[in-house]
């Protein structure tokens, strides 16, 4: 049985709610950069960071192996300035009822709250959860702690399939441009959200990602989302800095419908009906 501990969901909900409170209390700059506390396991974006003693160690720019934690100025999304939506996307966005954020409804319809797969790229934005790169000569596997799922990036020179079977995480191929890994992904279904606010995407979505290991402890990642059915222009992400965390343990953080039902009965329903 898939096991997604109810306590883990509660921690996530509290973390996200706390972050919105902190943002309301401390404010943001004009670019959406939080200037208060960060919700991720001690990884504070708003306070000064102690330089890592291992950042200057020698490293292989073409080797991403290790466990990493992401840091981004955007809150669980590509950026705080999405491009204009098409009428098709706006209708889906209006129908989305997030469980957190400015449009939050305690009994919302976020697909992940019924244990639907979180999908890509949304899963990459949960900065409180680690991600592990497992690398071989012909593929790079991106293994996510949250929802305990993996994504494969093929590095063997194969092209993108012309008509891939639509999936939650797409079909990804990568190639090296100097020290930058360029990853192209297509073949998505249209059933997941892009972020916590309910931004949609269609099955025409394409992603280009650029990863570069800039020092021993840091991978910089940029993403450009193109989806003409949903957005009138490409959506360019802010930079995510993935920080090496070799002592971070990867957990079995699965989603089980029985746990989600218990969480709904104990947390979401009382919150929705509380006077």
Protein backbone atom coordinates (compact mmCIF):
# COMPACT_ATOMS: atom_id res chain seq x y z
CA UNK A 1 0.00 0.00 0.00
CA UNK A 2 1.20 3.47 -0.81
CA UNK A 3 2.02 5.29 2.43
CA UNK A 4 1.88 9.06 2.65
CA UNK A 5 1.92 9.83 6.37
CA UNK A 6 -0.86 12.11 7.52
CA UNK A 7 1.61 13.84 9.77
CA UNK A 8 3.74 14.69 6.77
CA UNK A 9 0.76 16.32 5.05
CA UNK A 10 -0.06 18.26 8.21
CA UNK A 11 3.51 19.50 8.44
CA UNK A 12 3.36 20.60 4.80
CA UNK A 13 0.07 22.41 5.29
CA UNK A 14 1.34 24.16 8.39
CA UNK A 15 4.57 25.06 6.64
CA UNK A 16 2.78 26.57 3.67
CA UNK A 17 0.25 28.42 5.78
CA UNK A 18 3.03 29.75 7.97
CA UNK A 19 4.91 30.98 4.95
CA UNK A 20 1.95 33.02 3.75
CA UNK A 21 1.57 34.52 7.22
CA UNK A 22 5.25 35.38 7.28
CA UNK A 23 5.02 36.99 3.84
CA UNK A 24 2.03 39.06 4.96
CA UNK A 25 3.89 40.21 8.07
CA UNK A 26 7.28 40.89 6.55
CA UNK A 27 6.37 41.81 2.96
CA UNK A 28 8.10 41.24 -0.37
CA UNK A 29 10.14 43.28 -2.74
CA UNK A 30 8.75 44.23 -6.15
CA UNK A 31 10.09 41.07 -7.75
CA UNK A 32 8.30 38.77 -5.31
CA UNK A 33 11.43 38.06 -3.28
CA UNK A 34 10.46 37.10 0.28
CA UNK A 35 12.18 39.22 2.89
CA UNK A 36 11.02 37.19 5.87
CA UNK A 37 11.49 33.63 7.02
CA UNK A 38 11.68 30.68 4.64
CA UNK A 39 9.60 27.52 5.27
CA UNK A 40 12.22 25.04 4.12
CA UNK A 41 13.92 22.91 6.79
CA UNK A 42 16.20 25.61 8.14
CA UNK A 43 17.11 26.91 4.67
CA UNK A 44 16.40 30.61 5.21
CA UNK A 45 16.31 32.70 2.04
CA UNK A 46 15.56 35.88 3.95
CA UNK A 47 18.51 35.77 6.31
CA UNK A 48 22.24 35.78 5.72
CA UNK A 49 23.71 32.45 4.67
CA UNK A 50 26.92 31.10 6.15
CA UNK A 51 29.35 30.32 3.31
CA UNK A 52 29.78 26.59 2.86
CA UNK A 53 33.28 25.36 3.71
CA UNK A 54 33.05 22.84 0.85
CA UNK A 55 31.84 25.18 -1.92
CA UNK A 56 35.37 25.74 -3.25
CA UNK A 57 36.30 22.06 -3.38
CA UNK A 58 37.11 20.54 -6.80
CA UNK A 59 34.13 19.11 -8.69
CA UNK A 60 33.14 17.60 -12.03
CA UNK A 61 30.83 20.06 -13.82
CA UNK A 62 29.21 17.14 -15.67
CA UNK A 63 28.41 15.16 -12.52
CA UNK A 64 25.22 16.08 -10.61
CA UNK A 65 25.20 13.05 -8.30
CA UNK A 66 24.03 13.76 -4.77
CA UNK A 67 21.15 14.96 -2.62
CA UNK A 68 20.12 18.59 -3.10
CA UNK A 69 17.70 21.14 -1.62
CA UNK A 70 16.32 23.90 -3.84
CA UNK A 71 16.24 27.61 -3.04
CA UNK A 72 14.22 30.03 -5.14
CA UNK A 73 12.86 33.56 -4.85
CA UNK A 74 9.48 32.39 -6.18
CA UNK A 75 7.07 30.63 -3.83
CA UNK A 76 6.36 27.18 -5.28
CA UNK A 77 5.97 28.39 -8.86
CA UNK A 78 8.08 29.27 -11.90
CA UNK A 79 7.96 32.99 -11.14
CA UNK A 80 5.59 35.54 -9.62
CA UNK A 81 4.87 37.07 -13.05
CA UNK A 82 3.13 34.47 -15.26
CA UNK A 83 2.35 35.42 -18.87
CA UNK A 84 -1.26 36.17 -19.87
CA UNK A 85 -3.49 33.12 -20.05
CA UNK A 86 -5.58 32.12 -23.06
CA UNK A 87 -9.37 31.85 -22.55
CA UNK A 88 -8.98 28.07 -22.30
CA UNK A 89 -6.43 28.38 -19.48
CA UNK A 90 -8.31 31.19 -17.72
CA UNK A 91 -11.42 29.01 -17.51
CA UNK A 92 -9.41 26.20 -15.92
CA UNK A 93 -7.65 28.60 -13.57
CA UNK A 94 -10.96 30.06 -12.43
CA UNK A 95 -12.28 26.54 -11.78
CA UNK A 96 -9.25 25.65 -9.65
CA UNK A 97 -9.77 26.00 -5.89
CA UNK A 98 -6.38 25.99 -4.15
CA UNK A 99 -6.05 24.91 -0.54
CA UNK A 100 -3.51 27.61 0.32
CA UNK A 101 -2.60 31.10 -0.81
CA UNK A 102 -4.71 34.18 -1.57
CA UNK A 103 -7.38 32.08 -3.35
CA UNK A 104 -7.41 29.38 -0.66
CA UNK A 105 -10.54 27.39 0.13
CA UNK A 106 -10.32 24.80 2.93
CA UNK A 107 -12.16 22.21 0.84
CA UNK A 108 -10.50 23.04 -2.45
CA UNK A 109 -9.96 20.79 -5.46
CA UNK A 110 -6.16 20.59 -5.66
CA UNK A 111 -5.51 17.26 -7.45
CA UNK A 112 -2.73 16.27 -5.06
CA UNK A 113 -5.20 16.31 -2.16
CA UNK A 114 -6.79 13.16 -3.58
CA UNK A 115 -3.36 11.62 -4.23
CA UNK A 116 -3.21 12.36 -7.94
CA UNK A 117 0.44 12.61 -9.04
CA UNK A 118 1.84 16.08 -8.46
CA UNK A 119 3.36 16.22 -11.96
CA UNK A 120 6.25 18.14 -13.43
CA UNK A 121 7.41 20.88 -13.08
CA UNK A 122 5.35 21.52 -9.94
CA UNK A 123 7.17 18.88 -7.91
CA UNK A 124 10.47 20.70 -8.45
CA UNK A 125 9.20 23.80 -6.63
CA UNK A 126 8.74 22.26 -3.15
CA UNK A 127 11.94 23.64 -1.69
CA UNK A 128 11.41 22.11 1.75
CA UNK A 129 11.88 18.61 0.32
CA UNK A 130 15.16 17.14 -0.97
CA UNK A 131 15.83 15.80 -4.45
CA UNK A 132 18.52 13.31 -5.42
CA UNK A 133 20.31 13.12 -8.76
CA UNK A 134 21.39 9.59 -9.65
CA UNK A 135 23.60 9.72 -12.75
CA UNK A 136 24.90 7.11 -15.17
CA UNK A 137 26.65 7.57 -18.51
CA UNK A 138 23.38 7.50 -20.49
CA UNK A 139 20.74 8.86 -18.13
CA UNK A 140 20.12 11.19 -15.23
CA UNK A 141 17.44 10.18 -12.73
CA UNK A 142 15.86 12.95 -10.69
CA UNK A 143 14.42 11.35 -7.56
CA UNK A 144 12.06 13.47 -5.47
CA UNK A 145 11.43 12.96 -1.77
CA UNK A 146 7.99 14.60 -2.04
CA UNK A 147 5.51 11.99 -3.34
CA UNK A 148 8.52 9.62 -3.67
CA UNK A 149 8.68 9.65 -7.46
CA UNK A 150 11.41 9.81 -10.08
CA UNK A 151 11.91 11.39 -13.48
CA UNK A 152 14.34 10.06 -16.11
CA UNK A 153 16.38 12.33 -18.38
CA UNK A 154 17.98 10.36 -21.23
CA UNK A 155 21.54 11.40 -22.12
CA UNK A 156 22.24 8.81 -24.85
CA UNK A 157 21.53 11.09 -27.82
CA UNK A 158 18.01 9.88 -28.58
CA UNK A 159 15.56 12.45 -29.98
CA UNK A 160 12.28 13.40 -28.39
CA UNK A 161 9.52 11.04 -29.56
CA UNK A 162 7.26 12.48 -32.25
CA UNK A 163 4.03 11.37 -30.57
CA UNK A 164 4.70 10.31 -26.98
CA UNK A 165 2.09 8.81 -24.71
CA UNK A 166 0.91 11.66 -22.43
CA UNK A 167 2.17 11.26 -18.87
CA UNK A 168 2.32 13.23 -15.62
CA UNK A 169 6.08 13.84 -15.82
CA UNK A 170 6.67 13.97 -19.55
CA UNK A 171 9.45 12.49 -21.68
CA UNK A 172 12.86 14.12 -21.24
CA UNK A 173 16.12 14.09 -23.20
CA UNK A 174 19.24 16.05 -22.41
CA UNK A 175 22.53 17.08 -23.99
CA UNK A 176 25.58 19.00 -22.83
CA UNK A 177 26.25 22.50 -24.13
CA UNK A 178 29.69 23.05 -22.64
CA UNK A 179 29.13 22.73 -18.90
CA UNK A 180 25.37 23.35 -19.15
CA UNK A 181 22.96 20.43 -19.28
CA UNK A 182 20.07 21.35 -21.59
CA UNK A 183 16.94 19.26 -21.00
CA UNK A 184 13.90 19.21 -23.30
CA UNK A 185 10.64 17.66 -22.17
CA UNK A 186 7.35 16.98 -23.98
CA UNK A 187 4.59 14.38 -23.74
CA UNK A 188 2.62 15.77 -20.79
CA UNK A 189 -1.01 15.14 -20.01
CA UNK A 190 -3.06 18.16 -18.90
CA UNK A 191 -4.26 16.83 -15.54
CA UNK A 192 -1.79 18.44 -13.12
CA UNK A 193 -1.42 22.00 -11.86
CA UNK A 194 1.76 23.99 -12.43
CA UNK A 195 1.78 25.43 -8.93
CA UNK A 196 -0.14 25.78 -5.67
CA UNK A 197 -2.27 28.59 -7.12
CA UNK A 198 -3.83 26.33 -9.75
CA UNK A 199 -2.17 27.59 -12.93
CA UNK A 200 -3.01 25.03 -15.63
CA UNK A 201 -1.13 23.62 -18.57
CA UNK A 202 -2.20 21.70 -21.64
CA UNK A 203 -0.87 18.60 -23.37
CA UNK A 204 1.00 20.97 -25.71
CA UNK A 205 3.32 22.09 -22.92
CA UNK A 206 7.05 21.94 -23.64
CA UNK A 207 9.85 22.64 -21.19
CA UNK A 208 13.44 23.63 -21.72
CA UNK A 209 15.64 23.46 -18.64
CA UNK A 210 19.25 24.52 -18.24
CA UNK A 211 21.27 23.09 -15.35
CA UNK A 212 24.79 24.22 -14.52
CA UNK A 213 26.94 23.16 -11.60
CA UNK A 214 28.61 26.45 -10.71
CA UNK A 215 30.58 25.23 -7.69
CA UNK A 216 30.97 22.10 -5.60
CA UNK A 217 27.80 22.80 -3.63
CA UNK A 218 25.51 24.56 -6.14
CA UNK A 219 23.56 23.71 -9.29
CA UNK A 220 21.74 26.61 -10.95
CA UNK A 221 18.55 25.68 -12.80
CA UNK A 222 16.47 27.77 -15.19
CA UNK A 223 13.28 26.76 -16.95
CA UNK A 224 11.28 28.07 -19.90
CA UNK A 225 7.73 26.77 -20.31
CA UNK A 226 6.05 27.10 -23.70
CA UNK A 227 2.37 26.21 -24.02
CA UNK A 228 0.48 28.09 -26.77
CA UNK A 229 -2.84 26.53 -25.77
CA UNK A 230 -2.55 27.94 -22.24
CA UNK A 231 -0.28 31.04 -22.38
CA UNK A 232 0.25 33.80 -24.92
CA UNK A 233 4.02 33.90 -24.30
CA UNK A 234 6.68 31.64 -22.80
CA UNK A 235 6.82 31.51 -19.00
CA UNK A 236 10.44 31.99 -17.88
CA UNK A 237 11.29 30.86 -14.39
CA UNK A 238 13.46 32.50 -11.79
CA UNK A 239 16.75 30.74 -11.01
CA UNK A 240 16.61 27.85 -8.57
CA UNK A 241 19.80 27.18 -6.65
CA UNK A 242 20.06 23.51 -5.73
CA UNK A 243 22.36 23.19 -2.71
CA UNK A 244 24.27 19.99 -2.00
CA UNK A 245 23.12 18.41 1.28
CA UNK A 246 25.07 15.15 1.66
CA UNK A 247 23.72 14.44 5.15
CA UNK A 248 20.08 14.88 4.13
CA UNK A 249 18.10 11.64 4.33
CA UNK A 250 15.60 10.76 1.60
CA UNK A 251 12.29 9.59 3.06
CA UNK A 252 9.48 7.36 1.79
CA UNK A 253 7.04 10.25 1.46
CA UNK A 254 4.23 8.53 -0.42
CA UNK A 255 0.60 9.55 -0.85
CA UNK A 256 -2.01 7.02 0.28
CA UNK A 257 -5.74 7.70 -0.20
CA UNK A 258 -6.49 6.36 3.29
CA UNK A 259 -4.13 8.88 4.86
CA UNK A 260 -5.55 11.69 2.75
CA UNK A 261 -9.09 10.77 3.86
CA UNK A 262 -8.00 10.88 7.51
CA UNK A 263 -6.34 14.25 6.97
CA UNK A 264 -9.48 15.60 5.31
CA UNK A 265 -11.69 14.40 8.16
CA UNK A 266 -9.41 15.71 10.92
CA UNK A 267 -8.05 18.90 9.38
CA UNK A 268 -9.72 20.16 6.22
CA UNK A 269 -13.40 19.57 7.07
CA UNK A 270 -13.14 21.14 10.56
CA UNK A 271 -11.27 24.09 9.04
CA UNK A 272 -13.94 24.56 6.39
CA UNK A 273 -16.82 24.47 8.87
CA UNK A 274 -15.20 26.40 11.72
CA UNK A 275 -17.17 29.52 12.63
